[in-house]
């Protein structure tokens, strides 16, 4: 019997979800291709899935599979060729007073309260059911692969939390939330810069940033990290139009 690390992707089982309202584009319906819950998975298999455009939410591994739309483009940053602009250096220097702690995935009340504050600031009209502790745990604390929770503190006060997955060829940025009362720090951008540095330290060539949608303003920040590659027609290629 094939070991999980030797299992060809063709032998994995997937299913398609029913259509649901798109979270990013108004008046659009979305569908997802999801890895069946009983499928064997480890960090090696997941790394290959990420290279094919998948990512995960908790224990669910998925990729967009919409009937009429291909707006979601998986993107990754070339670590060695990343261009540090003056603004990147300013942001990175501004946050050098933060202390960083690597931890296993664990629930902490202070993390959850920061998550709630972040969600309220970013999505004030969101569904309150998505702000439960149970949802938070399933979304960020459950993982079938090699994952880590990174704390960023200022004077021992939590200001940012980031969940990352370690892949064979890089790091996948799962989710980051931070103190919305400190906009001058540009914490979201700093976090990506910090993850790029972590990739470089570990000699990992790619930082995977999930999906990018050109028409979605909330995703515009991703095009600031060049050179950016997108998975288009099953091929990773430079996103030349990302400079627009």
Protein backbone atom coordinates (compact mmCIF):
# COMPACT_ATOMS: atom_id res chain seq x y z
CA UNK A 1 0.00 0.00 0.00
CA UNK A 2 1.31 3.45 -0.89
CA UNK A 3 2.44 5.60 1.99
CA UNK A 4 0.75 9.02 2.30
CA UNK A 5 3.91 10.82 1.19
CA UNK A 6 3.99 8.67 -1.98
CA UNK A 7 0.31 8.96 -2.79
CA UNK A 8 -0.32 10.41 -6.29
CA UNK A 9 -2.72 13.34 -6.28
CA UNK A 10 -4.89 11.49 -8.80
CA UNK A 11 -5.76 8.98 -6.06
CA UNK A 12 -7.07 11.65 -3.69
CA UNK A 13 -10.81 12.13 -3.52
CA UNK A 14 -12.50 15.51 -3.97
CA UNK A 15 -16.03 16.81 -4.06
CA UNK A 16 -17.69 19.99 -5.33
CA UNK A 17 -19.73 22.18 -3.04
CA UNK A 18 -23.11 23.58 -3.95
CA UNK A 19 -23.04 27.22 -5.16
CA UNK A 20 -22.86 29.84 -2.41
CA UNK A 21 -22.60 33.67 -2.39
CA UNK A 22 -19.11 34.87 -3.24
CA UNK A 23 -17.33 36.56 -0.35
CA UNK A 24 -15.29 38.85 -2.61
CA UNK A 25 -17.35 39.85 -5.65
CA UNK A 26 -20.86 41.23 -5.35
CA UNK A 27 -23.70 39.38 -7.07
CA UNK A 28 -21.51 36.40 -7.89
CA UNK A 29 -21.84 32.76 -6.90
CA UNK A 30 -18.89 30.61 -5.92
CA UNK A 31 -18.16 26.90 -5.69
CA UNK A 32 -15.19 25.07 -4.21
CA UNK A 33 -13.40 21.82 -4.93
CA UNK A 34 -12.74 20.27 -1.52
CA UNK A 35 -10.48 17.41 -0.49
CA UNK A 36 -12.66 14.64 0.95
CA UNK A 37 -12.36 14.48 4.76
CA UNK A 38 -11.26 10.83 4.72
CA UNK A 39 -8.37 11.48 2.30
CA UNK A 40 -4.88 10.92 3.71
CA UNK A 41 -2.95 14.17 4.03
CA UNK A 42 0.34 15.35 5.48
CA UNK A 43 2.60 18.32 4.88
CA UNK A 44 4.18 16.72 1.80
CA UNK A 45 0.83 16.04 0.11
CA UNK A 46 -0.46 19.44 1.15
CA UNK A 47 2.63 21.11 -0.34
CA UNK A 48 1.82 19.52 -3.69
CA UNK A 49 -1.81 20.58 -3.40
CA UNK A 50 -0.78 24.19 -2.72
CA UNK A 51 1.35 24.11 -5.87
CA UNK A 52 -1.88 23.14 -7.68
CA UNK A 53 -3.77 26.11 -6.29
CA UNK A 54 -5.29 24.68 -3.11
CA UNK A 55 -5.16 26.16 0.38
CA UNK A 56 -6.83 25.27 3.63
CA UNK A 57 -9.31 26.64 6.14
CA UNK A 58 -8.86 24.67 9.33
CA UNK A 59 -8.97 20.99 8.39
CA UNK A 60 -10.61 21.66 4.99
CA UNK A 61 -8.38 21.83 1.92
CA UNK A 62 -10.00 23.52 -1.08
CA UNK A 63 -9.61 25.62 -4.19
CA UNK A 64 -12.13 27.77 -6.12
CA UNK A 65 -14.08 25.89 -8.77
CA UNK A 66 -16.69 28.40 -9.90
CA UNK A 67 -18.96 27.71 -12.86
CA UNK A 68 -18.69 31.07 -14.62
CA UNK A 69 -15.68 32.78 -13.03
CA UNK A 70 -11.93 32.33 -12.78
CA UNK A 71 -11.14 35.56 -10.96
CA UNK A 72 -9.35 33.87 -8.03
CA UNK A 73 -5.66 33.54 -8.89
CA UNK A 74 -3.32 31.67 -6.51
CA UNK A 75 -0.24 33.84 -5.96
CA UNK A 76 3.23 33.45 -4.47
CA UNK A 77 6.25 35.71 -3.96
CA UNK A 78 9.74 34.77 -5.14
CA UNK A 79 11.71 35.15 -1.91
CA UNK A 80 15.20 35.59 -3.36
CA UNK A 81 14.07 38.05 -6.02
CA UNK A 82 11.76 40.07 -3.78
CA UNK A 83 12.35 43.78 -4.31
CA UNK A 84 12.69 45.70 -1.05
CA UNK A 85 11.33 49.17 -1.68
CA UNK A 86 11.96 52.16 0.56
CA UNK A 87 8.47 51.90 2.08
CA UNK A 88 9.08 48.21 2.91
CA UNK A 89 12.24 49.08 4.78
CA UNK A 90 10.46 51.85 6.71
CA UNK A 91 7.65 49.53 7.75
CA UNK A 92 10.06 46.79 8.76
CA UNK A 93 12.19 49.18 10.81
CA UNK A 94 9.14 50.73 12.49
CA UNK A 95 8.14 47.35 13.92
CA UNK A 96 11.51 46.19 15.23
CA UNK A 97 10.30 46.89 18.77
CA UNK A 98 7.88 43.96 18.52
CA UNK A 99 8.84 40.66 20.12
CA UNK A 100 8.07 37.47 18.20
CA UNK A 101 7.06 34.12 19.69
CA UNK A 102 6.67 30.87 17.75
CA UNK A 103 4.01 28.61 19.21
CA UNK A 104 1.98 25.53 18.40
CA UNK A 105 -1.63 26.09 17.44
CA UNK A 106 -3.41 26.76 20.70
CA UNK A 107 -6.46 28.72 21.79
CA UNK A 108 -5.82 31.77 23.95
CA UNK A 109 -8.52 34.15 25.08
CA UNK A 110 -6.36 37.21 24.34
CA UNK A 111 -5.87 35.98 20.76
CA UNK A 112 -9.61 35.52 20.36
CA UNK A 113 -10.39 38.99 21.69
CA UNK A 114 -7.89 40.50 19.25
CA UNK A 115 -9.50 38.47 16.46
CA UNK A 116 -12.94 39.86 17.38
CA UNK A 117 -11.63 43.43 17.40
CA UNK A 118 -9.99 42.91 14.02
CA UNK A 119 -13.14 41.38 12.51
CA UNK A 120 -15.31 44.19 13.86
CA UNK A 121 -12.98 46.82 12.36
CA UNK A 122 -12.63 45.08 8.98
CA UNK A 123 -16.07 43.49 8.61
CA UNK A 124 -18.47 45.47 10.84
CA UNK A 125 -21.55 44.02 9.13
CA UNK A 126 -20.36 40.44 9.31
CA UNK A 127 -22.41 37.49 10.52
CA UNK A 128 -22.08 37.24 14.31
CA UNK A 129 -22.17 33.44 14.02
CA UNK A 130 -18.73 33.57 12.42
CA UNK A 131 -17.35 35.28 15.53
CA UNK A 132 -17.92 32.39 17.92
CA UNK A 133 -15.09 30.63 19.72
CA UNK A 134 -16.05 27.39 17.98
CA UNK A 135 -15.73 28.99 14.54
CA UNK A 136 -12.39 30.56 15.50
CA UNK A 137 -10.99 27.22 16.69
CA UNK A 138 -12.14 25.35 13.58
CA UNK A 139 -10.78 28.08 11.32
CA UNK A 140 -7.35 28.69 12.86
CA UNK A 141 -6.49 26.14 15.56
CA UNK A 142 -7.28 22.92 13.66
CA UNK A 143 -4.66 21.83 11.12
CA UNK A 144 -3.73 18.47 9.58
CA UNK A 145 -0.28 19.72 8.49
CA UNK A 146 2.86 21.33 9.90
CA UNK A 147 1.55 24.66 11.14
CA UNK A 148 2.60 27.29 13.64
CA UNK A 149 1.08 30.28 15.40
CA UNK A 150 3.25 33.39 15.56
CA UNK A 151 2.65 36.00 18.26
CA UNK A 152 3.80 39.59 17.93
CA UNK A 153 3.84 41.59 21.16
CA UNK A 154 4.55 45.19 22.15
CA UNK A 155 5.53 45.59 25.80
CA UNK A 156 4.05 42.13 26.38
CA UNK A 157 0.73 43.22 24.85
CA UNK A 158 -0.50 41.10 21.96
CA UNK A 159 -0.77 43.19 18.78
CA UNK A 160 -0.74 40.59 16.00
CA UNK A 161 -1.23 36.87 15.47
CA UNK A 162 -0.33 34.97 12.32
CA UNK A 163 -0.92 31.32 11.40
CA UNK A 164 1.43 29.81 8.83
CA UNK A 165 1.93 26.40 7.22
CA UNK A 166 5.39 25.03 6.46
CA UNK A 167 5.59 23.51 2.96
CA UNK A 168 8.28 21.58 1.12
CA UNK A 169 9.11 24.65 -0.97
CA UNK A 170 7.94 27.57 1.12
CA UNK A 171 5.53 28.97 3.64
CA UNK A 172 1.79 29.35 3.14
CA UNK A 173 0.34 32.40 4.86
CA UNK A 174 -2.93 31.09 6.31
CA UNK A 175 -4.36 34.08 8.17
CA UNK A 176 -3.22 37.15 10.08
CA UNK A 177 -5.12 39.47 12.38
CA UNK A 178 -3.85 42.47 14.27
CA UNK A 179 -4.69 45.45 16.46
CA UNK A 180 -6.83 47.76 14.29
CA UNK A 181 -6.07 50.76 16.53
CA UNK A 182 -2.45 50.97 15.30
CA UNK A 183 -2.73 51.75 11.58
CA UNK A 184 0.56 53.68 11.53
CA UNK A 185 2.47 50.44 11.99
CA UNK A 186 1.11 48.84 8.78
CA UNK A 187 1.07 45.54 10.65
CA UNK A 188 -0.39 43.51 7.79
CA UNK A 189 2.37 44.53 5.41
CA UNK A 190 5.00 44.07 8.10
CA UNK A 191 3.76 40.52 8.65
CA UNK A 192 4.34 39.61 5.01
CA UNK A 193 7.81 41.14 5.13
CA UNK A 194 8.52 39.15 8.28
CA UNK A 195 7.34 35.94 6.61
CA UNK A 196 9.56 36.66 3.60
CA UNK A 197 12.50 36.99 5.95
CA UNK A 198 11.55 33.71 7.64
CA UNK A 199 11.49 31.99 4.24
CA UNK A 200 14.92 33.40 3.49
CA UNK A 201 16.27 32.20 6.85
CA UNK A 202 14.94 28.69 6.17
CA UNK A 203 16.13 28.80 2.52
CA UNK A 204 12.58 28.30 1.27
CA UNK A 205 12.02 29.82 -2.19
CA UNK A 206 8.32 30.77 -2.07
CA UNK A 207 5.87 32.62 0.13
CA UNK A 208 2.32 31.61 -0.84
CA UNK A 209 -0.24 34.36 -0.23
CA UNK A 210 -3.46 32.56 -1.09
CA UNK A 211 -5.70 34.04 -3.78
CA UNK A 212 -5.67 37.40 -5.53
CA UNK A 213 -8.66 38.90 -7.32
CA UNK A 214 -7.94 41.88 -9.52
CA UNK A 215 -11.42 43.37 -8.98
CA UNK A 216 -11.29 43.01 -5.19
CA UNK A 217 -9.83 46.10 -3.48
CA UNK A 218 -9.24 44.19 -0.23
CA UNK A 219 -6.60 42.13 -2.05
CA UNK A 220 -4.71 45.04 -3.59
CA UNK A 221 -2.01 44.84 -0.92
CA UNK A 222 -0.70 41.59 -2.42
CA UNK A 223 0.49 43.23 -5.63
CA UNK A 224 2.90 45.36 -3.60
CA UNK A 225 5.13 42.31 -3.11
CA UNK A 226 7.08 41.79 -6.31
CA UNK A 227 7.94 39.69 -8.19
CA UNK A 228 4.55 38.03 -7.83
CA UNK A 229 3.64 34.82 -9.64
CA UNK A 230 0.14 33.57 -10.37
CA UNK A 231 -1.14 30.10 -11.22
CA UNK A 232 -2.90 30.63 -14.56
CA UNK A 233 -4.00 27.76 -16.81
CA UNK A 234 -2.18 25.35 -14.47
CA UNK A 235 1.15 27.17 -14.91
CA UNK A 236 2.95 29.46 -12.46
CA UNK A 237 3.89 32.62 -14.33
CA UNK A 238 4.87 36.23 -13.53
CA UNK A 239 1.94 38.60 -13.09
CA UNK A 240 3.18 41.45 -15.27
CA UNK A 241 -0.17 43.26 -14.96
CA UNK A 242 0.22 43.34 -11.17
CA UNK A 243 2.14 46.61 -11.56
CA UNK A 244 -0.98 48.39 -12.80
